[in-house]
């Protein structure tokens, strides 16, 4: 499958912690635009991914809380 990045990799890691489970996202993406792309990655995409995954985490926590009730 083709996409806008030279490389895109997303992994979920699960770890047992006191009182539950911790899920960590590991994301690697490489822009096809070389050095300029790396600057864009850091300035724009890193913030975008943080917002996207943050919203997903809030939704997931809400869903899991409601299902536990």
C-alpha atoms as a PDB file:
ATOM      1  CA  UNK A   1       0.000   0.000   0.000  1.00  0.00           C
ATOM      2  CA  UNK A   2       1.414   3.398  -0.987  1.00  0.00           C
ATOM      3  CA  UNK A   3       1.138   6.574   1.055  1.00  0.00           C
ATOM      4  CA  UNK A   4       2.656  10.035   1.436  1.00  0.00           C
ATOM      5  CA  UNK A   5       5.598   8.877   3.567  1.00  0.00           C
ATOM      6  CA  UNK A   6       8.717   7.002   2.575  1.00  0.00           C
ATOM      7  CA  UNK A   7       8.233   4.982   5.759  1.00  0.00           C
ATOM      8  CA  UNK A   8       5.281   4.689   8.147  1.00  0.00           C
ATOM      9  CA  UNK A   9       5.321   2.302  11.058  1.00  0.00           C
ATOM     10  CA  UNK A  10       2.904   2.270  14.016  1.00  0.00           C
ATOM     11  CA  UNK A  11       3.045  -0.258  16.838  1.00  0.00           C
ATOM     12  CA  UNK A  12       0.985  -0.638  20.005  1.00  0.00           C
ATOM     13  CA  UNK A  13       2.857  -1.918  23.041  1.00  0.00           C
ATOM     14  CA  UNK A  14       0.953  -3.180  26.071  1.00  0.00           C
ATOM     15  CA  UNK A  15       2.416  -3.408  29.561  1.00  0.00           C
ATOM     16  CA  UNK A  16       0.836  -4.634  32.782  1.00  0.00           C
ATOM     17  CA  UNK A  17       0.974  -1.917  35.444  1.00  0.00           C
ATOM     18  CA  UNK A  18      -0.533  -1.636  38.890  1.00  0.00           C
ATOM     19  CA  UNK A  19      -4.269  -1.231  38.453  1.00  0.00           C
ATOM     20  CA  UNK A  20      -4.423  -1.983  34.745  1.00  0.00           C
ATOM     21  CA  UNK A  21      -2.622  -1.926  31.441  1.00  0.00           C
ATOM     22  CA  UNK A  22      -0.497   0.771  29.821  1.00  0.00           C
ATOM     23  CA  UNK A  23      -0.655   1.106  26.041  1.00  0.00           C
ATOM     24  CA  UNK A  24       2.165   2.947  24.323  1.00  0.00           C
ATOM     25  CA  UNK A  25       2.191   4.001  20.682  1.00  0.00           C
ATOM     26  CA  UNK A  26       5.475   3.771  18.830  1.00  0.00           C
ATOM     27  CA  UNK A  27       5.348   5.697  15.549  1.00  0.00           C
ATOM     28  CA  UNK A  28       8.062   6.089  12.958  1.00  0.00           C
ATOM     29  CA  UNK A  29       7.509   8.095   9.825  1.00  0.00           C
ATOM     30  CA  UNK A  30       9.940   9.386   7.247  1.00  0.00           C
ATOM     31  CA  UNK A  31       9.027  12.135   4.835  1.00  0.00           C
ATOM     32  CA  UNK A  32       9.937  11.634   1.177  1.00  0.00           C
ATOM     33  CA  UNK A  33      11.213  15.238   1.033  1.00  0.00           C
ATOM     34  CA  UNK A  34      14.690  14.703   2.543  1.00  0.00           C
ATOM     35  CA  UNK A  35      16.116  17.346   4.893  1.00  0.00           C
ATOM     36  CA  UNK A  36      13.222  19.750   4.329  1.00  0.00           C
ATOM     37  CA  UNK A  37      10.826  16.906   5.060  1.00  0.00           C
ATOM     38  CA  UNK A  38      12.570  16.177   8.370  1.00  0.00           C
ATOM     39  CA  UNK A  39      12.013  19.793   9.437  1.00  0.00           C
ATOM     40  CA  UNK A  40       8.333  19.544   8.445  1.00  0.00           C
ATOM     41  CA  UNK A  41       8.094  16.209  10.292  1.00  0.00           C
ATOM     42  CA  UNK A  42       9.347  17.791  13.504  1.00  0.00           C
ATOM     43  CA  UNK A  43       7.409  21.039  13.281  1.00  0.00           C
ATOM     44  CA  UNK A  44       4.071  19.860  11.901  1.00  0.00           C
ATOM     45  CA  UNK A  45       3.634  16.105  11.884  1.00  0.00           C
ATOM     46  CA  UNK A  46       4.912  15.501  15.416  1.00  0.00           C
ATOM     47  CA  UNK A  47       2.351  17.955  16.794  1.00  0.00           C
ATOM     48  CA  UNK A  48      -0.386  16.544  14.566  1.00  0.00           C
ATOM     49  CA  UNK A  49       0.332  12.978  15.691  1.00  0.00           C
ATOM     50  CA  UNK A  50       0.393  14.041  19.356  1.00  0.00           C
ATOM     51  CA  UNK A  51      -3.060  15.645  18.973  1.00  0.00           C
ATOM     52  CA  UNK A  52      -4.420  12.706  16.992  1.00  0.00           C
ATOM     53  CA  UNK A  53      -3.190  10.084  19.448  1.00  0.00           C
ATOM     54  CA  UNK A  54      -4.196  12.232  22.425  1.00  0.00           C
ATOM     55  CA  UNK A  55      -7.773  12.427  21.119  1.00  0.00           C
ATOM     56  CA  UNK A  56      -7.750   8.670  20.505  1.00  0.00           C
ATOM     57  CA  UNK A  57      -6.498   8.076  24.055  1.00  0.00           C
ATOM     58  CA  UNK A  58      -9.273  10.221  25.536  1.00  0.00           C
ATOM     59  CA  UNK A  59     -11.887   8.349  23.492  1.00  0.00           C
ATOM     60  CA  UNK A  60     -10.429   4.973  24.449  1.00  0.00           C
ATOM     61  CA  UNK A  61     -10.326   5.855  28.166  1.00  0.00           C
ATOM     62  CA  UNK A  62     -13.949   6.999  27.978  1.00  0.00           C
ATOM     63  CA  UNK A  63     -15.047   3.813  26.219  1.00  0.00           C
ATOM     64  CA  UNK A  64     -13.217   1.574  28.663  1.00  0.00           C
ATOM     65  CA  UNK A  65     -14.639   3.472  31.657  1.00  0.00           C
ATOM     66  CA  UNK A  66     -18.202   3.189  30.342  1.00  0.00           C
ATOM     67  CA  UNK A  67     -17.843  -0.514  29.611  1.00  0.00           C
ATOM     68  CA  UNK A  68     -16.470  -1.186  33.093  1.00  0.00           C
ATOM     69  CA  UNK A  69     -19.593   0.330  34.725  1.00  0.00           C
END
